[in-house]
Amino acid sequence: MSDLTLYIPSFEDLWFYQKMLSDPATMSYNAPWFPPDGCIAFPKTEQPGWYAKWVGQSPIRFFAYLCRCADGAFVGDVSYHLVPERGWWDMGVLIYAPERGRGYGKQGLSLLLDRAFRVDGVSCLYNEFENNREAAYHIHTAAGFRETGTENGICLLELTREEYFRNCITREDLWNTIAE
């Protein structure tokens, strides 16, 4: 059983997203694109437009917080969005740095996969990240993603809806695989 659930944030809940985007430890992976520390400005003036574009727009765009069941605390977010010219959805899982190391990344990925493939009928999820992010690579491949290439030190991974259902990956299967 998962310690987390998906929570669709209200506009007033954007304080947490802003907190993550401004946290250097959480955003360090993003530093090559947003020097020096990967942080991204998310001023109040931009939040209404961002919220309207990202929240409540599934299956074209999906965004949710990962909420810890025990106390209702937000621990990260998951998202995906359609890239029409490629015929897939780019996806992401972001765990707030103080909450890392507790298995929330794999739980968040499992919840995202369930939502994308079972609820929204997404045809293919795609993710890319630096080759040196071993934990991210491991949880993706354990969930059934396959590597489709590498470009400039960036690993390219994808999982189709058919592959997901063929593999019949459940959250418990995913946890057991990763624990090995």
N, C-alpha and C. Protein backbone atom coordinates (compact mmCIF):
# COMPACT_ATOMS: atom_id res chain seq x y z
N MET A 1 0.83 -1.18 0.00
CA MET A 1 0.00 0.00 0.00
C MET A 1 0.88 1.25 0.00
N SER A 2 0.46 2.24 -0.74
CA SER A 2 1.22 3.46 -0.87
C SER A 2 1.05 4.37 0.34
N ASP A 3 2.13 5.05 0.69
CA ASP A 3 2.09 6.07 1.74
C ASP A 3 1.55 7.38 1.20
N LEU A 4 1.38 7.45 -0.14
CA LEU A 4 1.03 8.69 -0.80
C LEU A 4 -0.26 8.57 -1.59
N THR A 5 -0.84 9.71 -1.87
CA THR A 5 -1.97 9.80 -2.77
C THR A 5 -1.78 11.02 -3.67
N LEU A 6 -2.44 11.03 -4.81
CA LEU A 6 -2.42 12.20 -5.67
C LEU A 6 -3.41 13.22 -5.13
N TYR A 7 -3.01 14.48 -5.15
CA TYR A 7 -3.86 15.56 -4.67
C TYR A 7 -3.83 16.67 -5.72
N ILE A 8 -4.99 16.98 -6.26
CA ILE A 8 -5.08 18.08 -7.23
C ILE A 8 -5.10 19.37 -6.43
N PRO A 9 -4.07 20.22 -6.58
CA PRO A 9 -3.99 21.41 -5.73
C PRO A 9 -5.02 22.47 -6.11
N SER A 10 -5.48 23.18 -5.10
CA SER A 10 -6.27 24.37 -5.35
C SER A 10 -5.28 25.50 -5.67
N PHE A 11 -5.79 26.59 -6.17
CA PHE A 11 -4.92 27.73 -6.47
C PHE A 11 -4.16 28.16 -5.21
N GLU A 12 -4.84 28.14 -4.07
CA GLU A 12 -4.21 28.56 -2.81
C GLU A 12 -3.08 27.63 -2.39
N ASP A 13 -3.05 26.42 -2.93
CA ASP A 13 -1.99 25.45 -2.59
C ASP A 13 -0.70 25.66 -3.38
N LEU A 14 -0.67 26.62 -4.28
CA LEU A 14 0.54 26.83 -5.09
C LEU A 14 1.74 27.29 -4.27
N TRP A 15 1.54 27.66 -3.02
CA TRP A 15 2.66 28.02 -2.17
C TRP A 15 3.68 26.89 -2.12
N PHE A 16 3.21 25.64 -2.15
CA PHE A 16 4.14 24.51 -2.07
C PHE A 16 4.95 24.37 -3.35
N TYR A 17 4.33 24.53 -4.49
CA TYR A 17 5.06 24.46 -5.76
C TYR A 17 6.10 25.57 -5.82
N GLN A 18 5.71 26.77 -5.40
CA GLN A 18 6.64 27.90 -5.36
C GLN A 18 7.81 27.58 -4.42
N LYS A 19 7.52 26.96 -3.28
CA LYS A 19 8.55 26.59 -2.31
C LYS A 19 9.55 25.61 -2.93
N MET A 20 9.04 24.60 -3.65
CA MET A 20 9.95 23.63 -4.28
C MET A 20 10.80 24.29 -5.36
N LEU A 21 10.16 25.11 -6.21
CA LEU A 21 10.88 25.74 -7.32
C LEU A 21 11.97 26.69 -6.84
N SER A 22 11.85 27.21 -5.62
CA SER A 22 12.85 28.15 -5.10
C SER A 22 13.85 27.49 -4.15
N ASP A 23 13.77 26.19 -4.00
CA ASP A 23 14.66 25.47 -3.09
C ASP A 23 15.86 24.90 -3.85
N PRO A 24 17.08 25.40 -3.60
CA PRO A 24 18.25 24.94 -4.35
C PRO A 24 18.50 23.43 -4.22
N ALA A 25 18.25 22.83 -3.08
CA ALA A 25 18.48 21.39 -2.93
C ALA A 25 17.49 20.59 -3.78
N THR A 26 16.25 21.03 -3.82
CA THR A 26 15.23 20.34 -4.63
C THR A 26 15.52 20.52 -6.12
N MET A 27 15.95 21.71 -6.51
CA MET A 27 16.09 22.04 -7.93
C MET A 27 17.51 21.85 -8.48
N SER A 28 18.42 21.31 -7.71
CA SER A 28 19.82 21.19 -8.15
C SER A 28 19.96 20.44 -9.48
N TYR A 29 19.10 19.45 -9.74
CA TYR A 29 19.15 18.71 -11.00
C TYR A 29 18.95 19.63 -12.20
N ASN A 30 18.31 20.74 -11.97
CA ASN A 30 17.91 21.68 -13.01
C ASN A 30 18.98 22.75 -13.30
N ALA A 31 20.07 22.75 -12.54
CA ALA A 31 21.10 23.80 -12.64
C ALA A 31 21.69 23.96 -14.04
N PRO A 32 21.89 22.89 -14.83
CA PRO A 32 22.45 23.12 -16.18
C PRO A 32 21.55 24.01 -17.06
N TRP A 33 20.26 24.00 -16.80
CA TRP A 33 19.33 24.78 -17.62
C TRP A 33 18.94 26.10 -16.98
N PHE A 34 19.05 26.18 -15.65
CA PHE A 34 18.72 27.40 -14.91
C PHE A 34 19.83 27.68 -13.90
N PRO A 35 21.00 28.13 -14.41
CA PRO A 35 22.12 28.40 -13.50
C PRO A 35 21.78 29.55 -12.55
N PRO A 36 22.37 29.60 -11.38
CA PRO A 36 23.42 28.69 -10.92
C PRO A 36 22.90 27.48 -10.15
N ASP A 37 21.66 27.55 -9.62
CA ASP A 37 21.22 26.50 -8.69
C ASP A 37 19.98 25.73 -9.15
N GLY A 38 19.47 26.01 -10.35
CA GLY A 38 18.32 25.31 -10.89
C GLY A 38 16.97 25.88 -10.48
N CYS A 39 16.98 26.85 -9.58
CA CYS A 39 15.73 27.42 -9.11
C CYS A 39 15.03 28.21 -10.22
N ILE A 40 13.69 28.20 -10.16
CA ILE A 40 12.87 28.87 -11.16
C ILE A 40 11.95 29.85 -10.46
N ALA A 41 11.95 31.08 -10.93
CA ALA A 41 11.06 32.09 -10.36
C ALA A 41 9.61 31.71 -10.69
N PHE A 42 8.74 31.88 -9.72
CA PHE A 42 7.32 31.58 -9.89
C PHE A 42 6.52 32.67 -9.17
N PRO A 43 6.62 33.90 -9.71
CA PRO A 43 5.97 35.02 -9.02
C PRO A 43 4.45 34.89 -9.02
N LYS A 44 3.84 35.52 -8.05
CA LYS A 44 2.38 35.48 -7.89
C LYS A 44 1.66 35.93 -9.15
N THR A 45 2.24 36.86 -9.89
CA THR A 45 1.59 37.37 -11.10
C THR A 45 1.48 36.32 -12.19
N GLU A 46 2.37 35.32 -12.21
CA GLU A 46 2.34 34.25 -13.22
C GLU A 46 1.49 33.05 -12.80
N GLN A 47 1.14 32.97 -11.54
CA GLN A 47 0.48 31.79 -11.04
C GLN A 47 -0.93 31.55 -11.59
N PRO A 48 -1.78 32.58 -11.77
CA PRO A 48 -3.11 32.30 -12.33
C PRO A 48 -3.05 31.68 -13.73
N GLY A 49 -2.18 32.20 -14.60
CA GLY A 49 -2.04 31.64 -15.94
C GLY A 49 -1.49 30.23 -15.93
N TRP A 50 -0.48 30.00 -15.09
CA TRP A 50 0.10 28.67 -14.97
C TRP A 50 -0.95 27.68 -14.47
N TYR A 51 -1.70 28.07 -13.45
CA TYR A 51 -2.71 27.20 -12.87
C TYR A 51 -3.78 26.84 -13.91
N ALA A 52 -4.25 27.82 -14.64
CA ALA A 52 -5.27 27.58 -15.66
C ALA A 52 -4.76 26.64 -16.75
N LYS A 53 -3.49 26.72 -17.07
CA LYS A 53 -2.90 25.89 -18.12
C LYS A 53 -2.66 24.45 -17.65
N TRP A 54 -2.27 24.27 -16.40
CA TRP A 54 -1.82 22.97 -15.92
C TRP A 54 -2.81 22.17 -15.09
N VAL A 55 -3.68 22.80 -14.35
CA VAL A 55 -4.54 22.06 -13.41
C VAL A 55 -5.93 21.90 -14.02
N GLY A 56 -6.42 20.66 -13.98
CA GLY A 56 -7.75 20.37 -14.51
C GLY A 56 -7.79 20.25 -16.02
N GLN A 57 -6.68 19.93 -16.64
CA GLN A 57 -6.60 19.87 -18.10
C GLN A 57 -6.29 18.48 -18.64
N SER A 58 -6.49 17.45 -17.82
CA SER A 58 -6.16 16.10 -18.28
C SER A 58 -7.15 15.66 -19.35
N PRO A 59 -6.73 14.87 -20.29
CA PRO A 59 -5.44 14.19 -20.38
C PRO A 59 -4.35 14.98 -21.11
N ILE A 60 -4.66 16.17 -21.60
CA ILE A 60 -3.64 16.96 -22.32
C ILE A 60 -2.52 17.37 -21.37
N ARG A 61 -2.89 17.85 -20.21
CA ARG A 61 -1.93 18.23 -19.17
C ARG A 61 -2.47 17.74 -17.84
N PHE A 62 -1.57 17.18 -17.04
CA PHE A 62 -1.96 16.72 -15.71
C PHE A 62 -0.89 17.16 -14.72
N PHE A 63 -1.35 17.67 -13.57
CA PHE A 63 -0.45 18.09 -12.50
C PHE A 63 -1.12 17.76 -11.18
N ALA A 64 -0.37 17.13 -10.28
CA ALA A 64 -0.88 16.83 -8.95
C ALA A 64 0.27 16.83 -7.95
N TYR A 65 -0.05 17.15 -6.72
CA TYR A 65 0.90 16.99 -5.64
C TYR A 65 0.88 15.55 -5.18
N LEU A 66 1.99 15.12 -4.62
CA LEU A 66 2.06 13.87 -3.89
C LEU A 66 1.82 14.24 -2.43
N CYS A 67 0.79 13.67 -1.87
CA CYS A 67 0.36 14.00 -0.51
C CYS A 67 0.53 12.77 0.37
N ARG A 68 1.23 12.95 1.49
CA ARG A 68 1.43 11.84 2.42
C ARG A 68 0.12 11.56 3.15
N CYS A 69 -0.31 10.31 3.10
CA CYS A 69 -1.60 9.91 3.68
C CYS A 69 -1.64 10.12 5.20
N ALA A 70 -0.53 9.84 5.87
CA ALA A 70 -0.52 9.87 7.34
C ALA A 70 -0.82 11.24 7.92
N ASP A 71 -0.32 12.31 7.27
CA ASP A 71 -0.49 13.64 7.86
C ASP A 71 -0.94 14.71 6.87
N GLY A 72 -1.15 14.34 5.62
CA GLY A 72 -1.62 15.31 4.63
C GLY A 72 -0.55 16.25 4.10
N ALA A 73 0.72 16.02 4.46
CA ALA A 73 1.79 16.89 4.01
C ALA A 73 2.09 16.66 2.52
N PHE A 74 2.39 17.73 1.82
CA PHE A 74 2.82 17.63 0.43
C PHE A 74 4.30 17.27 0.42
N VAL A 75 4.67 16.28 -0.42
CA VAL A 75 6.07 15.84 -0.46
C VAL A 75 6.68 15.97 -1.85
N GLY A 76 5.90 16.34 -2.84
CA GLY A 76 6.41 16.48 -4.20
C GLY A 76 5.28 16.67 -5.18
N ASP A 77 5.59 16.51 -6.45
CA ASP A 77 4.56 16.60 -7.47
C ASP A 77 4.86 15.65 -8.62
N VAL A 78 3.82 15.38 -9.40
CA VAL A 78 3.93 14.59 -10.63
C VAL A 78 3.18 15.34 -11.72
N SER A 79 3.62 15.14 -12.96
CA SER A 79 2.95 15.83 -14.06
C SER A 79 3.22 15.10 -15.36
N TYR A 80 2.35 15.36 -16.33
CA TYR A 80 2.61 14.97 -17.71
C TYR A 80 1.85 15.91 -18.62
N HIS A 81 2.37 16.02 -19.84
CA HIS A 81 1.71 16.87 -20.83
C HIS A 81 1.98 16.33 -22.23
N LEU A 82 0.99 16.47 -23.08
CA LEU A 82 1.06 15.98 -24.45
C LEU A 82 2.05 16.81 -25.27
N VAL A 83 2.87 16.10 -26.04
CA VAL A 83 3.76 16.71 -27.03
C VAL A 83 3.24 16.20 -28.38
N PRO A 84 2.30 16.93 -29.00
CA PRO A 84 1.59 16.40 -30.18
C PRO A 84 2.50 16.00 -31.34
N GLU A 85 3.54 16.78 -31.58
CA GLU A 85 4.42 16.47 -32.72
C GLU A 85 5.20 15.17 -32.53
N ARG A 86 5.28 14.68 -31.30
CA ARG A 86 5.99 13.42 -31.04
C ARG A 86 5.04 12.27 -30.69
N GLY A 87 3.79 12.57 -30.40
CA GLY A 87 2.82 11.52 -30.10
C GLY A 87 3.00 10.87 -28.74
N TRP A 88 3.55 11.60 -27.80
CA TRP A 88 3.72 11.08 -26.46
C TRP A 88 3.52 12.20 -25.45
N TRP A 89 3.54 11.81 -24.18
CA TRP A 89 3.41 12.75 -23.08
C TRP A 89 4.74 12.80 -22.34
N ASP A 90 5.32 13.99 -22.20
CA ASP A 90 6.48 14.19 -21.33
C ASP A 90 5.98 14.14 -19.90
N MET A 91 6.78 13.55 -19.01
CA MET A 91 6.34 13.40 -17.63
C MET A 91 7.46 13.75 -16.67
N GLY A 92 7.08 13.96 -15.43
CA GLY A 92 8.07 14.25 -14.41
C GLY A 92 7.56 13.90 -13.02
N VAL A 93 8.51 13.57 -12.17
CA VAL A 93 8.25 13.32 -10.76
C VAL A 93 9.28 14.15 -10.01
N LEU A 94 8.82 15.00 -9.11
CA LEU A 94 9.73 15.84 -8.33
C LEU A 94 9.41 15.67 -6.85
N ILE A 95 10.42 15.28 -6.08
CA ILE A 95 10.27 15.11 -4.64
C ILE A 95 11.00 16.26 -3.94
N TYR A 96 10.33 16.91 -3.04
CA TYR A 96 10.91 17.99 -2.24
C TYR A 96 12.11 17.42 -1.49
N ALA A 97 13.26 18.09 -1.58
CA ALA A 97 14.53 17.56 -1.06
C ALA A 97 14.45 17.03 0.38
N PRO A 98 13.81 17.73 1.33
CA PRO A 98 13.77 17.18 2.70
C PRO A 98 12.99 15.86 2.81
N GLU A 99 12.22 15.52 1.79
CA GLU A 99 11.41 14.29 1.82
C GLU A 99 12.04 13.14 1.03
N ARG A 100 13.20 13.36 0.44
CA ARG A 100 13.84 12.33 -0.37
C ARG A 100 14.41 11.21 0.49
N GLY A 101 14.62 10.07 -0.14
CA GLY A 101 15.20 8.93 0.55
C GLY A 101 14.18 8.08 1.30
N ARG A 102 12.89 8.30 1.05
CA ARG A 102 11.83 7.58 1.76
C ARG A 102 11.00 6.72 0.82
N GLY A 103 11.45 6.57 -0.42
CA GLY A 103 10.70 5.77 -1.38
C GLY A 103 9.58 6.52 -2.08
N TYR A 104 9.51 7.83 -1.88
CA TYR A 104 8.42 8.60 -2.47
C TYR A 104 8.55 8.73 -3.99
N GLY A 105 9.75 8.69 -4.52
CA GLY A 105 9.93 8.77 -5.97
C GLY A 105 9.28 7.59 -6.68
N LYS A 106 9.52 6.38 -6.19
CA LYS A 106 8.93 5.21 -6.82
C LYS A 106 7.43 5.16 -6.60
N GLN A 107 6.97 5.57 -5.42
CA GLN A 107 5.52 5.62 -5.18
C GLN A 107 4.86 6.66 -6.08
N GLY A 108 5.51 7.81 -6.20
CA GLY A 108 4.96 8.86 -7.07
C GLY A 108 4.90 8.42 -8.51
N LEU A 109 5.95 7.74 -8.98
CA LEU A 109 5.95 7.23 -10.36
C LEU A 109 4.83 6.22 -10.55
N SER A 110 4.63 5.35 -9.59
CA SER A 110 3.56 4.36 -9.68
C SER A 110 2.19 5.03 -9.76
N LEU A 111 1.97 6.04 -8.92
CA LEU A 111 0.69 6.77 -8.96
C LEU A 111 0.51 7.50 -10.28
N LEU A 112 1.58 8.08 -10.80
CA LEU A 112 1.52 8.77 -12.09
C LEU A 112 1.18 7.79 -13.21
N LEU A 113 1.82 6.61 -13.21
CA LEU A 113 1.54 5.62 -14.25
C LEU A 113 0.09 5.16 -14.19
N ASP A 114 -0.40 4.88 -12.99
CA ASP A 114 -1.81 4.49 -12.85
C ASP A 114 -2.72 5.57 -13.42
N ARG A 115 -2.47 6.81 -13.05
CA ARG A 115 -3.31 7.90 -13.51
C ARG A 115 -3.24 8.04 -15.03
N ALA A 116 -2.04 8.06 -15.57
CA ALA A 116 -1.87 8.28 -17.00
C ALA A 116 -2.49 7.17 -17.84
N PHE A 117 -2.17 5.93 -17.51
CA PHE A 117 -2.59 4.81 -18.36
C PHE A 117 -3.99 4.29 -18.03
N ARG A 118 -4.34 4.22 -16.77
CA ARG A 118 -5.64 3.66 -16.39
C ARG A 118 -6.77 4.68 -16.45
N VAL A 119 -6.50 5.91 -16.06
CA VAL A 119 -7.56 6.93 -15.99
C VAL A 119 -7.63 7.76 -17.27
N ASP A 120 -6.49 8.32 -17.69
CA ASP A 120 -6.49 9.25 -18.81
C ASP A 120 -6.25 8.60 -20.17
N GLY A 121 -5.89 7.30 -20.21
CA GLY A 121 -5.70 6.62 -21.47
C GLY A 121 -4.54 7.13 -22.30
N VAL A 122 -3.52 7.67 -21.63
CA VAL A 122 -2.32 8.15 -22.31
C VAL A 122 -1.70 7.01 -23.10
N SER A 123 -1.19 7.29 -24.30
CA SER A 123 -0.64 6.23 -25.14
C SER A 123 0.83 5.94 -24.86
N CYS A 124 1.61 6.96 -24.48
CA CYS A 124 3.05 6.75 -24.26
C CYS A 124 3.59 7.86 -23.37
N LEU A 125 4.29 7.47 -22.31
CA LEU A 125 4.98 8.43 -21.44
C LEU A 125 6.46 8.41 -21.77
N TYR A 126 7.06 9.58 -21.68
CA TYR A 126 8.45 9.77 -22.05
C TYR A 126 9.11 10.62 -20.97
N ASN A 127 10.33 10.26 -20.60
CA ASN A 127 11.08 11.08 -19.66
C ASN A 127 12.53 11.10 -20.09
N GLU A 128 13.19 12.15 -19.71
CA GLU A 128 14.62 12.29 -20.01
C GLU A 128 15.29 12.98 -18.84
N PHE A 129 16.51 12.53 -18.55
CA PHE A 129 17.29 13.12 -17.48
C PHE A 129 18.75 12.72 -17.67
N GLU A 130 19.61 13.37 -16.90
CA GLU A 130 21.05 13.14 -17.01
C GLU A 130 21.40 11.69 -16.70
N ASN A 131 22.40 11.16 -17.42
CA ASN A 131 22.83 9.77 -17.25
C ASN A 131 23.29 9.45 -15.83
N ASN A 132 23.76 10.44 -15.10
CA ASN A 132 24.30 10.17 -13.76
C ASN A 132 23.22 10.11 -12.68
N ARG A 133 21.97 10.25 -13.02
CA ARG A 133 20.88 10.17 -12.03
C ARG A 133 20.43 8.72 -11.91
N GLU A 134 21.25 7.92 -11.22
CA GLU A 134 21.05 6.48 -11.14
C GLU A 134 19.75 6.08 -10.47
N ALA A 135 19.36 6.77 -9.40
CA ALA A 135 18.11 6.42 -8.71
C ALA A 135 16.92 6.62 -9.64
N ALA A 136 16.89 7.73 -10.36
CA ALA A 136 15.80 7.99 -11.30
C ALA A 136 15.78 6.93 -12.39
N TYR A 137 16.94 6.59 -12.91
CA TYR A 137 17.02 5.57 -13.96
C TYR A 137 16.48 4.23 -13.43
N HIS A 138 16.88 3.87 -12.24
CA HIS A 138 16.48 2.58 -11.66
C HIS A 138 14.97 2.50 -11.45
N ILE A 139 14.35 3.53 -10.88
CA ILE A 139 12.91 3.43 -10.64
C ILE A 139 12.14 3.42 -11.96
N HIS A 140 12.63 4.12 -12.98
CA HIS A 140 11.94 4.11 -14.27
C HIS A 140 12.05 2.74 -14.95
N THR A 141 13.23 2.18 -14.99
CA THR A 141 13.38 0.88 -15.66
C THR A 141 12.67 -0.22 -14.87
N ALA A 142 12.66 -0.14 -13.54
CA ALA A 142 11.93 -1.12 -12.74
C ALA A 142 10.43 -1.04 -13.02
N ALA A 143 9.95 0.14 -13.39
CA ALA A 143 8.54 0.33 -13.70
C ALA A 143 8.20 -0.06 -15.13
N GLY A 144 9.21 -0.45 -15.92
CA GLY A 144 8.96 -0.91 -17.28
C GLY A 144 9.42 0.02 -18.38
N PHE A 145 9.92 1.21 -18.03
CA PHE A 145 10.43 2.10 -19.06
C PHE A 145 11.62 1.45 -19.75
N ARG A 146 11.77 1.73 -21.03
CA ARG A 146 12.94 1.25 -21.76
C ARG A 146 13.71 2.45 -22.28
N GLU A 147 15.01 2.28 -22.30
CA GLU A 147 15.89 3.33 -22.79
C GLU A 147 15.82 3.33 -24.32
N THR A 148 15.59 4.50 -24.88
CA THR A 148 15.51 4.62 -26.34
C THR A 148 16.69 5.36 -26.93
N GLY A 149 17.60 5.82 -26.08
CA GLY A 149 18.79 6.49 -26.58
C GLY A 149 19.39 7.42 -25.55
N THR A 150 20.50 8.03 -25.96
CA THR A 150 21.19 9.02 -25.15
C THR A 150 21.62 10.15 -26.08
N GLU A 151 21.38 11.35 -25.65
CA GLU A 151 21.80 12.52 -26.42
C GLU A 151 22.46 13.51 -25.47
N ASN A 152 23.71 13.84 -25.74
CA ASN A 152 24.44 14.84 -24.95
C ASN A 152 24.38 14.56 -23.45
N GLY A 153 24.56 13.31 -23.06
CA GLY A 153 24.55 12.94 -21.65
C GLY A 153 23.18 12.85 -21.02
N ILE A 154 22.15 12.91 -21.85
CA ILE A 154 20.77 12.81 -21.38
C ILE A 154 20.20 11.46 -21.81
N CYS A 155 19.68 10.71 -20.85
CA CYS A 155 19.09 9.41 -21.10
C CYS A 155 17.62 9.61 -21.51
N LEU A 156 17.21 8.95 -22.57
CA LEU A 156 15.84 9.04 -23.07
C LEU A 156 15.11 7.73 -22.76
N LEU A 157 13.98 7.82 -22.08
CA LEU A 157 13.21 6.65 -21.67
C LEU A 157 11.75 6.80 -22.06
N GLU A 158 11.12 5.67 -22.42
CA GLU A 158 9.69 5.72 -22.71
C GLU A 158 9.00 4.43 -22.29
N LEU A 159 7.70 4.57 -22.07
CA LEU A 159 6.84 3.44 -21.72
C LEU A 159 5.50 3.65 -22.40
N THR A 160 5.08 2.67 -23.20
CA THR A 160 3.78 2.77 -23.85
C THR A 160 2.70 2.19 -22.94
N ARG A 161 1.48 2.55 -23.22
CA ARG A 161 0.33 2.03 -22.48
C ARG A 161 0.28 0.51 -22.62
N GLU A 162 0.52 0.02 -23.84
CA GLU A 162 0.50 -1.43 -24.09
C GLU A 162 1.57 -2.14 -23.27
N GLU A 163 2.78 -1.57 -23.22
CA GLU A 163 3.85 -2.18 -22.43
C GLU A 163 3.48 -2.20 -20.94
N TYR A 164 2.91 -1.12 -20.49
CA TYR A 164 2.52 -1.04 -19.08
C TYR A 164 1.53 -2.14 -18.72
N PHE A 165 0.48 -2.29 -19.53
CA PHE A 165 -0.52 -3.32 -19.23
C PHE A 165 0.00 -4.73 -19.49
N ARG A 166 0.86 -4.89 -20.48
CA ARG A 166 1.44 -6.21 -20.75
C ARG A 166 2.29 -6.66 -19.57
N ASN A 167 3.02 -5.74 -18.99
CA ASN A 167 3.86 -6.07 -17.84
C ASN A 167 3.05 -6.20 -16.57
N CYS A 168 1.80 -5.71 -16.58
CA CYS A 168 0.92 -5.78 -15.40
C CYS A 168 1.61 -5.31 -14.14
N ILE A 169 2.24 -4.16 -14.23
CA ILE A 169 2.97 -3.63 -13.08
C ILE A 169 1.96 -3.06 -12.09
N THR A 170 2.06 -3.54 -10.86
CA THR A 170 1.27 -2.96 -9.77
C THR A 170 2.22 -2.24 -8.85
N ARG A 171 1.70 -1.44 -7.95
CA ARG A 171 2.56 -0.73 -7.00
C ARG A 171 3.38 -1.72 -6.19
N GLU A 172 2.76 -2.81 -5.75
CA GLU A 172 3.49 -3.77 -4.93
C GLU A 172 4.61 -4.43 -5.73
N ASP A 173 4.34 -4.78 -7.01
CA ASP A 173 5.39 -5.35 -7.85
C ASP A 173 6.54 -4.37 -7.99
N LEU A 174 6.21 -3.08 -8.19
CA LEU A 174 7.23 -2.07 -8.36
C LEU A 174 8.07 -1.94 -7.10
N TRP A 175 7.44 -1.89 -5.93
CA TRP A 175 8.18 -1.77 -4.68
C TRP A 175 9.09 -2.98 -4.46
N ASN A 176 8.57 -4.17 -4.74
CA ASN A 176 9.36 -5.38 -4.54
C ASN A 176 10.55 -5.41 -5.47
N THR A 177 10.37 -5.01 -6.72
CA THR A 177 11.46 -4.99 -7.70
C THR A 177 12.54 -4.01 -7.25
N ILE A 178 12.16 -2.83 -6.83
CA ILE A 178 13.12 -1.81 -6.44
C ILE A 178 13.83 -2.20 -5.16
N ALA A 179 13.16 -2.89 -4.25
CA ALA A 179 13.75 -3.28 -2.98
C ALA A 179 14.85 -4.32 -3.17
N GLU A 180 14.84 -5.04 -4.28
CA GLU A 180 15.83 -6.10 -4.50
C GLU A 180 17.21 -5.54 -4.77
